[in-house]
Structures are given as C-alpha cells and as structure tokens.
Amino acid sequence: MELLEKVQHLFGSYGYSVLFFGLLLEFIALPFPGETTMAYAGFLSYKGHLDFGILAVLAFLGTTIGMTITYFIGAKAGLPFITRYGKWFLMKPDKLDKTQKWFAKYGNALIFIGYFIPGVRHFTGYFAGIAAVPFRKFALYAYTGALFWVVLFLGIGKIFGPQWNAVFHLAHQYTAYIVAGIGLLLIAAVLYRYRKAWAARSLRKPAAVRQRQK
C-alpha cells in the first residue's frame, strides 16, 4: 500500500485523532508521515469532510506536546542515554550527529526552522533539552515554529484542493526558500517593532529635557 493510500485509510478509520496522535508520535522519533498527513487533512477540509480549525488545533497540540516530551527527555536523560538507547526509537547515529552539527551551527534558531528540515525536526527537542535551553525560550521557538509548520501544510490542502499533491512536492523542493522567507518576515517584524519603540523613546526625550529646563 502506497503512502497516500495508508494516510487515506487512517483517516477513514480514525478521523481527527490520526493527526494528533500521529504527529505526537512522529516527534518522539517514530515513523509517521506528518507533512503528507497534514496536507491531505487540509484537502479533506477543502472537500468539507473535516473542519480546518479543529485540524489546526489538533495538529498544533500533537506537535507541541511531542516536542515538549522530547525536550524533557533530553534534559533529564542527557546525550549518553539517547546515544545508547535512541536506536530503539529509530534515532540512528548519523541523524543524531547531523542534528548535533546543525544545532551547534544555528543554536536556538534550529528549534524553529528544524520543522522544515527532514531528518532534523524529530531531534531538535532532544538537543534543546540536552543543551539546557531555558524552557521559556524553547517554548517560544518550538511553539511558534509549530504554528507556522502546521498552518503551512494544512493550508496547502485547504487552499489548493485537488492540486494539493503537486503543490506539496513543490513545497518540499523549495523548503529552504520557505524557511528563508519566514526568517526574513520575522526579522522585519522585530526591526519594525524596535523601530517604533526607538521612535517613541526619541520623542519622549526632548519632552523630558524641556521639563527639566523649566
């Protein structure tokens, strides 16, 4: 049975719960085609069979709960434990090594962008815990990234309908550009926010000076 047929069969048998439990298990590093499943779920929403809002909530919760579990496993168990026993959860040494190198290169930002990198997103939570990233910082990056990831792939099915599969493969092909675009938008938003704050402080300073002069 092909991958898409398996996904269709799962939705036919279990409905909404497929998305929640499938994504949760995927982030504990068990095999599950999360992106394909979300895109197909979005298509089912396009056809009116499933509610997009419920899908988005369940996908977001499954993703973030799975990521949070791996964060605490990494924080409590440490790298030696994961290196030794990770093979039982399909954590192959080469994938662990790849994620470790990416984490060393990109730091906390990898928690956000890792969702869009096949073979990396499953392990970023573990390494965030191992690296003792403060939970609030981890949650900020992980939950924001999860929201973007979930909305993107559900949206492919919802917006493009019958053409979702072709667009899905294009999205995979240009993942790097998508991530770069998201990064630029975030940087622009931060700069805009601080520019407004700086402008407000600049306006307050002359007023304060005039009051002292009086």
N, C-alpha and C. Protein backbone atom coordinates (compact mmCIF):
# COMPACT_ATOMS: atom_id res chain seq x y z
N MET A 1 0.85 -1.20 0.00
CA MET A 1 0.00 0.00 0.00
C MET A 1 0.88 1.25 0.00
N GLU A 2 0.63 2.17 -0.93
CA GLU A 2 1.42 3.39 -1.01
C GLU A 2 1.13 4.30 0.17
N LEU A 3 2.05 5.27 0.35
CA LEU A 3 1.95 6.17 1.50
C LEU A 3 0.62 6.88 1.55
N LEU A 4 0.19 7.48 0.45
CA LEU A 4 -1.06 8.24 0.44
C LEU A 4 -2.25 7.34 0.73
N GLU A 5 -2.23 6.12 0.23
CA GLU A 5 -3.31 5.17 0.50
C GLU A 5 -3.37 4.85 1.98
N LYS A 6 -2.19 4.72 2.62
CA LYS A 6 -2.15 4.45 4.05
C LYS A 6 -2.76 5.62 4.83
N VAL A 7 -2.42 6.84 4.43
CA VAL A 7 -2.96 8.02 5.10
C VAL A 7 -4.47 8.09 4.93
N GLN A 8 -4.95 7.81 3.73
CA GLN A 8 -6.39 7.82 3.47
C GLN A 8 -7.10 6.76 4.33
N HIS A 9 -6.48 5.61 4.44
CA HIS A 9 -7.06 4.53 5.24
C HIS A 9 -7.11 4.93 6.72
N LEU A 10 -6.07 5.58 7.22
CA LEU A 10 -6.03 6.01 8.61
C LEU A 10 -7.15 7.00 8.91
N PHE A 11 -7.33 7.98 8.02
CA PHE A 11 -8.39 8.96 8.23
C PHE A 11 -9.77 8.31 8.15
N GLY A 12 -9.91 7.35 7.23
CA GLY A 12 -11.19 6.65 7.12
C GLY A 12 -11.52 5.87 8.38
N SER A 13 -10.49 5.36 9.06
CA SER A 13 -10.71 4.53 10.25
C SER A 13 -10.76 5.32 11.55
N TYR A 14 -9.94 6.38 11.65
CA TYR A 14 -9.78 7.05 12.94
C TYR A 14 -10.12 8.54 12.94
N GLY A 15 -10.31 9.14 11.78
CA GLY A 15 -10.72 10.53 11.73
C GLY A 15 -9.70 11.51 12.29
N TYR A 16 -10.20 12.50 13.02
CA TYR A 16 -9.35 13.58 13.53
C TYR A 16 -8.17 13.09 14.38
N SER A 17 -8.39 12.02 15.14
CA SER A 17 -7.37 11.57 16.09
C SER A 17 -6.06 11.18 15.41
N VAL A 18 -6.12 10.83 14.11
CA VAL A 18 -4.91 10.47 13.37
C VAL A 18 -3.89 11.59 13.44
N LEU A 19 -4.36 12.81 13.27
CA LEU A 19 -3.45 13.95 13.22
C LEU A 19 -2.78 14.19 14.56
N PHE A 20 -3.56 14.15 15.63
CA PHE A 20 -2.99 14.42 16.96
C PHE A 20 -1.97 13.36 17.36
N PHE A 21 -2.40 12.10 17.36
CA PHE A 21 -1.52 11.04 17.84
C PHE A 21 -0.37 10.77 16.87
N GLY A 22 -0.63 10.91 15.57
CA GLY A 22 0.43 10.68 14.59
C GLY A 22 1.56 11.69 14.73
N LEU A 23 1.22 12.97 14.86
CA LEU A 23 2.26 13.99 14.99
C LEU A 23 2.97 13.89 16.33
N LEU A 24 2.23 13.59 17.38
CA LEU A 24 2.87 13.41 18.69
C LEU A 24 3.92 12.30 18.63
N LEU A 25 3.56 11.17 18.02
CA LEU A 25 4.50 10.05 17.92
C LEU A 25 5.65 10.37 16.99
N GLU A 26 5.37 11.14 15.92
CA GLU A 26 6.45 11.49 15.00
C GLU A 26 7.56 12.25 15.72
N PHE A 27 7.18 13.14 16.64
CA PHE A 27 8.20 13.95 17.30
C PHE A 27 8.91 13.21 18.42
N ILE A 28 8.43 12.03 18.76
CA ILE A 28 9.19 11.17 19.65
C ILE A 28 10.11 10.28 18.80
N ALA A 29 10.11 10.56 17.48
CA ALA A 29 11.00 9.92 16.50
C ALA A 29 10.49 8.57 16.04
N LEU A 30 9.17 8.37 16.06
CA LEU A 30 8.59 7.16 15.49
C LEU A 30 8.12 7.49 14.07
N PRO A 31 8.13 6.50 13.17
CA PRO A 31 7.83 6.80 11.76
C PRO A 31 6.37 7.18 11.54
N PHE A 32 6.15 8.39 11.03
CA PHE A 32 4.82 8.86 10.67
C PHE A 32 4.97 9.98 9.65
N PRO A 33 4.23 9.93 8.55
CA PRO A 33 4.36 10.96 7.50
C PRO A 33 3.57 12.22 7.86
N GLY A 34 4.09 13.01 8.77
CA GLY A 34 3.34 14.14 9.31
C GLY A 34 2.94 15.16 8.26
N GLU A 35 3.87 15.57 7.41
CA GLU A 35 3.57 16.63 6.43
C GLU A 35 2.55 16.15 5.40
N THR A 36 2.71 14.93 4.91
CA THR A 36 1.75 14.38 3.96
C THR A 36 0.37 14.28 4.58
N THR A 37 0.32 13.83 5.83
CA THR A 37 -0.95 13.68 6.53
C THR A 37 -1.64 15.03 6.72
N MET A 38 -0.88 16.06 7.09
CA MET A 38 -1.47 17.39 7.26
C MET A 38 -2.00 17.93 5.94
N ALA A 39 -1.22 17.79 4.87
CA ALA A 39 -1.67 18.29 3.57
C ALA A 39 -2.94 17.58 3.12
N TYR A 40 -3.00 16.27 3.33
CA TYR A 40 -4.20 15.51 2.95
C TYR A 40 -5.38 15.90 3.84
N ALA A 41 -5.11 16.13 5.12
CA ALA A 41 -6.18 16.57 6.02
C ALA A 41 -6.74 17.93 5.58
N GLY A 42 -5.84 18.82 5.13
CA GLY A 42 -6.29 20.09 4.60
C GLY A 42 -7.17 19.91 3.37
N PHE A 43 -6.84 18.93 2.54
CA PHE A 43 -7.65 18.63 1.37
C PHE A 43 -9.04 18.12 1.78
N LEU A 44 -9.08 17.29 2.82
CA LEU A 44 -10.38 16.82 3.33
C LEU A 44 -11.20 17.99 3.86
N SER A 45 -10.52 18.97 4.42
CA SER A 45 -11.21 20.18 4.86
C SER A 45 -11.75 20.96 3.66
N TYR A 46 -10.95 21.03 2.61
CA TYR A 46 -11.37 21.69 1.36
C TYR A 46 -12.66 21.05 0.83
N LYS A 47 -12.75 19.72 0.93
CA LYS A 47 -13.92 19.00 0.44
C LYS A 47 -15.10 19.07 1.40
N GLY A 48 -14.87 19.63 2.59
CA GLY A 48 -15.94 19.78 3.56
C GLY A 48 -16.13 18.58 4.48
N HIS A 49 -15.19 17.62 4.45
CA HIS A 49 -15.32 16.42 5.28
C HIS A 49 -14.82 16.66 6.71
N LEU A 50 -13.85 17.56 6.87
CA LEU A 50 -13.28 17.84 8.19
C LEU A 50 -13.22 19.35 8.40
N ASP A 51 -13.22 19.76 9.65
CA ASP A 51 -13.17 21.19 9.99
C ASP A 51 -11.72 21.66 10.10
N PHE A 52 -11.38 22.72 9.37
CA PHE A 52 -9.99 23.19 9.34
C PHE A 52 -9.53 23.65 10.72
N GLY A 53 -10.38 24.35 11.46
CA GLY A 53 -10.00 24.85 12.78
C GLY A 53 -9.65 23.71 13.74
N ILE A 54 -10.47 22.67 13.73
CA ILE A 54 -10.20 21.51 14.60
C ILE A 54 -8.90 20.83 14.19
N LEU A 55 -8.68 20.70 12.89
CA LEU A 55 -7.43 20.10 12.39
C LEU A 55 -6.22 20.90 12.85
N ALA A 56 -6.31 22.23 12.74
CA ALA A 56 -5.18 23.08 13.13
C ALA A 56 -4.87 22.95 14.61
N VAL A 57 -5.91 22.94 15.44
CA VAL A 57 -5.71 22.81 16.89
C VAL A 57 -5.09 21.47 17.24
N LEU A 58 -5.63 20.39 16.68
CA LEU A 58 -5.12 19.05 16.99
C LEU A 58 -3.69 18.86 16.48
N ALA A 59 -3.40 19.37 15.28
CA ALA A 59 -2.04 19.25 14.74
C ALA A 59 -1.06 20.05 15.59
N PHE A 60 -1.46 21.24 16.00
CA PHE A 60 -0.59 22.08 16.83
C PHE A 60 -0.35 21.41 18.19
N LEU A 61 -1.39 20.89 18.80
CA LEU A 61 -1.24 20.24 20.11
C LEU A 61 -0.39 18.98 20.00
N GLY A 62 -0.64 18.15 18.99
CA GLY A 62 0.16 16.94 18.82
C GLY A 62 1.63 17.25 18.64
N THR A 63 1.91 18.28 17.82
CA THR A 63 3.29 18.68 17.55
C THR A 63 3.97 19.23 18.79
N THR A 64 3.32 20.17 19.46
CA THR A 64 3.95 20.82 20.61
C THR A 64 4.08 19.88 21.81
N ILE A 65 3.10 19.03 22.03
CA ILE A 65 3.21 18.06 23.13
C ILE A 65 4.35 17.09 22.85
N GLY A 66 4.44 16.61 21.60
CA GLY A 66 5.54 15.71 21.24
C GLY A 66 6.89 16.38 21.43
N MET A 67 7.02 17.62 20.96
CA MET A 67 8.27 18.36 21.12
C MET A 67 8.62 18.57 22.60
N THR A 68 7.61 18.89 23.40
CA THR A 68 7.85 19.15 24.83
C THR A 68 8.31 17.88 25.54
N ILE A 69 7.70 16.75 25.18
CA ILE A 69 8.12 15.47 25.77
C ILE A 69 9.60 15.21 25.46
N THR A 70 9.99 15.42 24.19
CA THR A 70 11.38 15.15 23.83
C THR A 70 12.33 16.13 24.52
N TYR A 71 11.89 17.36 24.72
CA TYR A 71 12.72 18.35 25.43
C TYR A 71 13.04 17.85 26.84
N PHE A 72 12.03 17.37 27.55
CA PHE A 72 12.26 16.92 28.92
C PHE A 72 13.03 15.60 28.97
N ILE A 73 12.84 14.75 27.97
CA ILE A 73 13.67 13.53 27.90
C ILE A 73 15.13 13.91 27.73
N GLY A 74 15.39 14.84 26.82
CA GLY A 74 16.77 15.30 26.61
C GLY A 74 17.35 15.95 27.84
N ALA A 75 16.53 16.76 28.54
CA ALA A 75 17.02 17.47 29.73
C ALA A 75 17.31 16.50 30.88
N LYS A 76 16.49 15.47 31.03
CA LYS A 76 16.64 14.55 32.16
C LYS A 76 17.61 13.40 31.88
N ALA A 77 17.56 12.88 30.64
CA ALA A 77 18.36 11.69 30.32
C ALA A 77 19.75 12.04 29.81
N GLY A 78 19.87 13.13 29.04
CA GLY A 78 21.18 13.53 28.53
C GLY A 78 21.58 12.78 27.27
N LEU A 79 22.65 13.25 26.65
CA LEU A 79 23.10 12.70 25.38
C LEU A 79 23.57 11.24 25.47
N PRO A 80 24.32 10.84 26.52
CA PRO A 80 24.76 9.43 26.57
C PRO A 80 23.60 8.45 26.53
N PHE A 81 22.52 8.76 27.25
CA PHE A 81 21.35 7.88 27.26
C PHE A 81 20.72 7.79 25.87
N ILE A 82 20.55 8.95 25.21
CA ILE A 82 19.91 8.98 23.90
C ILE A 82 20.79 8.30 22.85
N THR A 83 22.10 8.50 22.95
CA THR A 83 23.02 7.85 22.02
C THR A 83 22.98 6.33 22.17
N ARG A 84 22.84 5.90 23.42
CA ARG A 84 22.86 4.46 23.69
C ARG A 84 21.54 3.78 23.35
N TYR A 85 20.42 4.42 23.73
CA TYR A 85 19.12 3.77 23.58
C TYR A 85 18.26 4.36 22.46
N GLY A 86 18.76 5.41 21.79
CA GLY A 86 17.97 6.05 20.75
C GLY A 86 17.61 5.13 19.60
N LYS A 87 18.43 4.11 19.36
CA LYS A 87 18.17 3.21 18.23
C LYS A 87 16.82 2.51 18.37
N TRP A 88 16.35 2.37 19.61
CA TRP A 88 15.05 1.73 19.83
C TRP A 88 13.91 2.63 19.35
N PHE A 89 14.20 3.92 19.21
CA PHE A 89 13.21 4.88 18.72
C PHE A 89 13.60 5.41 17.34
N LEU A 90 14.36 4.60 16.60
CA LEU A 90 14.78 4.93 15.24
C LEU A 90 15.67 6.17 15.18
N MET A 91 16.37 6.46 16.28
CA MET A 91 17.33 7.58 16.28
C MET A 91 18.68 7.03 15.84
N LYS A 92 18.90 7.00 14.55
CA LYS A 92 20.14 6.47 14.03
C LYS A 92 21.30 7.43 14.34
N PRO A 93 22.49 6.89 14.59
CA PRO A 93 23.64 7.73 14.94
C PRO A 93 23.92 8.83 13.93
N ASP A 94 23.75 8.54 12.64
CA ASP A 94 24.04 9.57 11.63
C ASP A 94 23.07 10.74 11.73
N LYS A 95 21.79 10.45 12.04
CA LYS A 95 20.80 11.51 12.19
C LYS A 95 21.06 12.32 13.46
N LEU A 96 21.44 11.64 14.53
CA LEU A 96 21.78 12.36 15.76
C LEU A 96 22.98 13.27 15.53
N ASP A 97 23.97 12.74 14.83
CA ASP A 97 25.17 13.54 14.55
C ASP A 97 24.84 14.74 13.67
N LYS A 98 23.97 14.53 12.68
CA LYS A 98 23.56 15.61 11.78
C LYS A 98 22.85 16.72 12.56
N THR A 99 21.93 16.33 13.44
CA THR A 99 21.19 17.32 14.22
C THR A 99 22.11 18.06 15.17
N GLN A 100 23.06 17.34 15.78
CA GLN A 100 24.00 17.97 16.70
C GLN A 100 24.83 19.03 15.99
N LYS A 101 25.25 18.74 14.76
CA LYS A 101 26.03 19.71 13.98
C LYS A 101 25.18 20.93 13.62
N TRP A 102 23.93 20.68 13.22
CA TRP A 102 23.03 21.79 12.88
C TRP A 102 22.78 22.65 14.12
N PHE A 103 22.62 22.00 15.27
CA PHE A 103 22.35 22.75 16.50
C PHE A 103 23.56 23.60 16.88
N ALA A 104 24.75 23.05 16.71
CA ALA A 104 25.96 23.81 17.01
C ALA A 104 26.10 25.00 16.07
N LYS A 105 25.62 24.86 14.85
CA LYS A 105 25.76 25.92 13.85
C LYS A 105 24.71 27.01 14.01
N TYR A 106 23.46 26.62 14.26
CA TYR A 106 22.36 27.58 14.26
C TYR A 106 21.78 27.88 15.65
N GLY A 107 22.18 27.10 16.65
CA GLY A 107 21.73 27.38 18.00
C GLY A 107 20.22 27.25 18.16
N ASN A 108 19.66 28.14 18.98
CA ASN A 108 18.23 28.06 19.30
C ASN A 108 17.34 28.24 18.08
N ALA A 109 17.83 28.94 17.06
CA ALA A 109 17.02 29.16 15.86
C ALA A 109 16.65 27.83 15.19
N LEU A 110 17.48 26.80 15.41
CA LEU A 110 17.18 25.50 14.80
C LEU A 110 15.89 24.92 15.36
N ILE A 111 15.54 25.26 16.59
CA ILE A 111 14.29 24.77 17.18
C ILE A 111 13.12 25.23 16.33
N PHE A 112 13.22 26.45 15.80
CA PHE A 112 12.16 27.00 14.95
C PHE A 112 12.22 26.43 13.54
N ILE A 113 13.38 26.55 12.90
CA ILE A 113 13.47 26.16 11.48
C ILE A 113 13.57 24.66 11.29
N GLY A 114 13.88 23.92 12.37
CA GLY A 114 14.06 22.48 12.26
C GLY A 114 12.82 21.75 11.75
N TYR A 115 11.63 22.33 11.98
CA TYR A 115 10.41 21.69 11.48
C TYR A 115 10.45 21.50 9.97
N PHE A 116 11.13 22.39 9.29
CA PHE A 116 11.13 22.38 7.83
C PHE A 116 12.30 21.59 7.24
N ILE A 117 13.08 20.94 8.11
CA ILE A 117 14.25 20.20 7.64
C ILE A 117 14.04 18.71 7.91
N PRO A 118 13.77 17.92 6.86
CA PRO A 118 13.56 16.48 7.06
C PRO A 118 14.76 15.82 7.74
N GLY A 119 14.47 14.94 8.68
CA GLY A 119 15.53 14.23 9.39
C GLY A 119 16.14 15.02 10.53
N VAL A 120 15.70 16.26 10.73
CA VAL A 120 16.22 17.09 11.81
C VAL A 120 15.14 17.43 12.83
N ARG A 121 13.92 17.71 12.34
CA ARG A 121 12.87 18.18 13.26
C ARG A 121 12.55 17.19 14.37
N HIS A 122 12.78 15.89 14.12
CA HIS A 122 12.45 14.89 15.12
C HIS A 122 13.40 14.93 16.32
N PHE A 123 14.54 15.58 16.18
CA PHE A 123 15.56 15.53 17.23
C PHE A 123 15.87 16.87 17.88
N THR A 124 15.30 17.96 17.36
CA THR A 124 15.64 19.27 17.91
C THR A 124 15.18 19.42 19.35
N GLY A 125 14.05 18.81 19.69
CA GLY A 125 13.57 18.88 21.07
C GLY A 125 14.54 18.20 22.02
N TYR A 126 15.04 17.03 21.64
CA TYR A 126 16.01 16.32 22.48
C TYR A 126 17.26 17.18 22.71
N PHE A 127 17.78 17.76 21.63
CA PHE A 127 19.01 18.53 21.76
C PHE A 127 18.80 19.85 22.50
N ALA A 128 17.61 20.42 22.39
CA ALA A 128 17.31 21.62 23.18
C ALA A 128 17.35 21.30 24.67
N GLY A 129 16.83 20.13 25.04
CA GLY A 129 16.89 19.70 26.44
C GLY A 129 18.30 19.38 26.88
N ILE A 130 19.05 18.69 26.03
CA ILE A 130 20.44 18.35 26.34
C ILE A 130 21.28 19.61 26.52
N ALA A 131 21.03 20.62 25.67
CA ALA A 131 21.78 21.88 25.73
C ALA A 131 21.31 22.80 26.86
N ALA A 132 20.31 22.35 27.62
CA ALA A 132 19.77 23.12 28.76
C ALA A 132 19.24 24.49 28.33
N VAL A 133 18.61 24.54 27.14
CA VAL A 133 17.94 25.76 26.72
C VAL A 133 16.81 26.03 27.71
N PRO A 134 16.70 27.24 28.28
CA PRO A 134 15.61 27.52 29.22
C PRO A 134 14.25 27.21 28.60
N PHE A 135 13.35 26.63 29.41
CA PHE A 135 12.09 26.15 28.84
C PHE A 135 11.30 27.26 28.17
N ARG A 136 11.29 28.46 28.76
CA ARG A 136 10.53 29.55 28.14
C ARG A 136 11.06 29.89 26.75
N LYS A 137 12.38 29.89 26.61
CA LYS A 137 12.98 30.17 25.30
C LYS A 137 12.68 29.02 24.34
N PHE A 138 12.79 27.80 24.82
CA PHE A 138 12.46 26.64 23.99
C PHE A 138 11.02 26.73 23.51
N ALA A 139 10.11 27.02 24.43
CA ALA A 139 8.68 27.08 24.08
C ALA A 139 8.42 28.17 23.05
N LEU A 140 9.08 29.32 23.19
CA LEU A 140 8.88 30.41 22.24
C LEU A 140 9.25 29.97 20.83
N TYR A 141 10.43 29.38 20.68
CA TYR A 141 10.88 28.93 19.36
C TYR A 141 10.06 27.73 18.86
N ALA A 142 9.86 26.75 19.74
CA ALA A 142 9.23 25.50 19.33
C ALA A 142 7.75 25.69 18.99
N TYR A 143 7.04 26.43 19.81
CA TYR A 143 5.60 26.58 19.59
C TYR A 143 5.30 27.52 18.43
N THR A 144 6.15 28.55 18.27
CA THR A 144 5.96 29.44 17.11
C THR A 144 6.26 28.70 15.81
N GLY A 145 7.36 27.94 15.80
CA GLY A 145 7.69 27.15 14.62
C GLY A 145 6.61 26.12 14.30
N ALA A 146 6.05 25.50 15.34
CA ALA A 146 4.99 24.51 15.14
C ALA A 146 3.77 25.15 14.47
N LEU A 147 3.44 26.36 14.91
CA LEU A 147 2.28 27.04 14.32
C LEU A 147 2.49 27.31 12.83
N PHE A 148 3.67 27.81 12.47
CA PHE A 148 3.98 28.06 11.06
C PHE A 148 3.93 26.76 10.26
N TRP A 149 4.54 25.72 10.79
CA TRP A 149 4.64 24.43 10.10
C TRP A 149 3.26 23.83 9.86
N VAL A 150 2.46 23.82 10.91
CA VAL A 150 1.11 23.23 10.84
C VAL A 150 0.23 24.00 9.85
N VAL A 151 0.22 25.32 9.96
CA VAL A 151 -0.63 26.13 9.09
C VAL A 151 -0.19 26.01 7.63
N LEU A 152 1.13 25.95 7.40
CA LEU A 152 1.63 25.83 6.03
C LEU A 152 1.13 24.56 5.36
N PHE A 153 1.30 23.41 6.01
CA PHE A 153 0.97 22.15 5.34
C PHE A 153 -0.52 21.84 5.35
N LEU A 154 -1.23 22.24 6.38
CA LEU A 154 -2.69 22.13 6.32
C LEU A 154 -3.23 23.06 5.25
N GLY A 155 -2.63 24.25 5.18
CA GLY A 155 -3.08 25.24 4.21
C GLY A 155 -2.88 24.81 2.78
N ILE A 156 -1.86 24.03 2.50
CA ILE A 156 -1.63 23.53 1.14
C ILE A 156 -2.85 22.74 0.66
N GLY A 157 -3.33 21.84 1.50
CA GLY A 157 -4.51 21.05 1.12
C GLY A 157 -5.78 21.88 1.07
N LYS A 158 -5.92 22.79 2.02
CA LYS A 158 -7.13 23.61 2.10
C LYS A 158 -7.24 24.60 0.94
N ILE A 159 -6.13 25.24 0.58
CA ILE A 159 -6.15 26.29 -0.43
C ILE A 159 -6.13 25.72 -1.86
N PHE A 160 -5.31 24.70 -2.07
CA PHE A 160 -5.10 24.21 -3.44
C PHE A 160 -5.99 23.03 -3.82
N GLY A 161 -6.72 22.48 -2.85
CA GLY A 161 -7.69 21.44 -3.17
C GLY A 161 -7.13 20.28 -3.96
N PRO A 162 -7.71 19.96 -5.11
CA PRO A 162 -7.28 18.79 -5.89
C PRO A 162 -5.81 18.84 -6.33
N GLN A 163 -5.23 20.02 -6.36
CA GLN A 163 -3.82 20.16 -6.76
C GLN A 163 -2.86 20.09 -5.58
N TRP A 164 -3.35 19.71 -4.42
CA TRP A 164 -2.54 19.77 -3.20
C TRP A 164 -1.27 18.93 -3.31
N ASN A 165 -1.37 17.77 -3.97
CA ASN A 165 -0.21 16.87 -4.03
C ASN A 165 0.93 17.49 -4.81
N ALA A 166 0.63 18.15 -5.93
CA ALA A 166 1.67 18.79 -6.74
C ALA A 166 2.31 19.95 -5.97
N VAL A 167 1.46 20.75 -5.30
CA VAL A 167 1.97 21.88 -4.52
C VAL A 167 2.78 21.38 -3.33
N PHE A 168 2.35 20.29 -2.75
CA PHE A 168 3.06 19.69 -1.61
C PHE A 168 4.50 19.33 -2.00
N HIS A 169 4.66 18.72 -3.16
CA HIS A 169 6.00 18.33 -3.62
C HIS A 169 6.85 19.57 -3.94
N LEU A 170 6.22 20.61 -4.47
CA LEU A 170 6.94 21.85 -4.71
C LEU A 170 7.40 22.48 -3.40
N ALA A 171 6.53 22.43 -2.39
CA ALA A 171 6.88 22.98 -1.07
C ALA A 171 8.09 22.25 -0.50
N HIS A 172 8.13 20.93 -0.68
CA HIS A 172 9.28 20.16 -0.23
C HIS A 172 10.54 20.55 -0.99
N GLN A 173 10.39 20.76 -2.27
CA GLN A 173 11.54 21.09 -3.12
C GLN A 173 12.15 22.44 -2.75
N TYR A 174 11.29 23.37 -2.33
CA TYR A 174 11.76 24.73 -2.04
C TYR A 174 11.67 25.07 -0.56
N THR A 175 11.85 24.05 0.27
CA THR A 175 11.77 24.26 1.71
C THR A 175 12.74 25.33 2.18
N ALA A 176 13.96 25.32 1.66
CA ALA A 176 14.97 26.30 2.09
C ALA A 176 14.51 27.72 1.83
N TYR A 177 13.86 27.94 0.69
CA TYR A 177 13.37 29.27 0.36
C TYR A 177 12.21 29.67 1.27
N ILE A 178 11.36 28.70 1.60
CA ILE A 178 10.25 28.98 2.51
C ILE A 178 10.76 29.40 3.87
N VAL A 179 11.74 28.64 4.37
CA VAL A 179 12.33 28.97 5.68
C VAL A 179 12.98 30.34 5.64
N ALA A 180 13.72 30.62 4.56
CA ALA A 180 14.38 31.92 4.43
C ALA A 180 13.35 33.04 4.41
N GLY A 181 12.25 32.82 3.70
CA GLY A 181 11.20 33.83 3.63
C GLY A 181 10.58 34.09 4.99
N ILE A 182 10.32 33.01 5.73
CA ILE A 182 9.76 33.15 7.07
C ILE A 182 10.74 33.90 7.97
N GLY A 183 12.03 33.54 7.85
CA GLY A 183 13.05 34.22 8.66
C GLY A 183 13.11 35.70 8.38
N LEU A 184 13.04 36.07 7.09
CA LEU A 184 13.09 37.49 6.72
C LEU A 184 11.86 38.23 7.25
N LEU A 185 10.71 37.58 7.19
CA LEU A 185 9.50 38.22 7.72
C LEU A 185 9.61 38.45 9.23
N LEU A 186 10.17 37.46 9.94
CA LEU A 186 10.33 37.61 11.39
C LEU A 186 11.32 38.73 11.72
N ILE A 187 12.42 38.77 10.97
CA ILE A 187 13.41 39.83 11.21
C ILE A 187 12.80 41.20 10.94
N ALA A 188 12.03 41.29 9.85
CA ALA A 188 11.38 42.56 9.52
C ALA A 188 10.41 42.98 10.61
N ALA A 189 9.66 42.00 11.16
CA ALA A 189 8.70 42.31 12.22
C ALA A 189 9.42 42.81 13.47
N VAL A 190 10.53 42.16 13.82
CA VAL A 190 11.29 42.58 15.01
C VAL A 190 11.87 43.97 14.82
N LEU A 191 12.45 44.20 13.63
CA LEU A 191 13.03 45.52 13.36
C LEU A 191 11.96 46.61 13.38
N TYR A 192 10.79 46.30 12.83
CA TYR A 192 9.69 47.28 12.83
C TYR A 192 9.25 47.60 14.25
N ARG A 193 9.17 46.55 15.07
CA ARG A 193 8.75 46.74 16.46
C ARG A 193 9.75 47.61 17.22
N TYR A 194 11.05 47.32 17.07
CA TYR A 194 12.06 48.09 17.78
C TYR A 194 12.21 49.50 17.20
N ARG A 195 11.93 49.64 15.93
CA ARG A 195 11.99 50.97 15.32
C ARG A 195 10.90 51.87 15.92
N LYS A 196 9.71 51.29 16.09
CA LYS A 196 8.63 52.05 16.70
C LYS A 196 8.95 52.42 18.14
N ALA A 197 9.54 51.45 18.89
CA ALA A 197 9.91 51.71 20.28
C ALA A 197 10.99 52.78 20.36
N TRP A 198 11.96 52.70 19.44
CA TRP A 198 13.05 53.70 19.42
C TRP A 198 12.51 55.08 19.09
N ALA A 199 11.57 55.15 18.13
CA ALA A 199 10.98 56.43 17.75
C ALA A 199 10.20 57.03 18.91
N ALA A 200 9.49 56.16 19.65
CA ALA A 200 8.72 56.65 20.80
C ALA A 200 9.64 57.20 21.88
N ARG A 201 10.77 56.52 22.12
CA ARG A 201 11.72 57.00 23.12
C ARG A 201 12.35 58.32 22.68
N SER A 202 12.61 58.44 21.37
CA SER A 202 13.21 59.67 20.85
C SER A 202 12.29 60.87 21.03
N LEU A 203 10.99 60.61 20.90
CA LEU A 203 10.02 61.70 21.08
C LEU A 203 9.87 62.08 22.54
N ARG A 204 10.03 61.09 23.44
CA ARG A 204 9.89 61.38 24.87
C ARG A 204 11.07 62.15 25.42
N LYS A 205 12.27 61.91 24.87
CA LYS A 205 13.47 62.56 25.40
C LYS A 205 13.42 64.07 25.34
N PRO A 206 13.08 64.70 24.20
CA PRO A 206 13.01 66.16 24.17
C PRO A 206 12.00 66.72 25.16
N ALA A 207 10.88 66.01 25.34
CA ALA A 207 9.87 66.47 26.29
C ALA A 207 10.43 66.45 27.70
N ALA A 208 11.17 65.40 28.03
CA ALA A 208 11.76 65.30 29.37
C ALA A 208 12.80 66.39 29.58
N VAL A 209 13.58 66.70 28.53
CA VAL A 209 14.60 67.75 28.62
C VAL A 209 13.94 69.11 28.85
N ARG A 210 12.83 69.37 28.14
CA ARG A 210 12.14 70.64 28.30
C ARG A 210 11.58 70.80 29.71
N GLN A 211 11.08 69.69 30.29
CA GLN A 211 10.55 69.77 31.64
C GLN A 211 11.64 70.07 32.66
N ARG A 212 12.84 69.48 32.46
CA ARG A 212 13.94 69.77 33.40
C ARG A 212 14.40 71.22 33.28
N GLN A 213 14.35 71.75 32.03
CA GLN A 213 14.77 73.12 31.83
C GLN A 213 13.83 74.11 32.49
N LYS A 214 12.54 73.74 32.56
CA LYS A 214 11.58 74.62 33.24
C LYS A 214 11.82 74.62 34.75
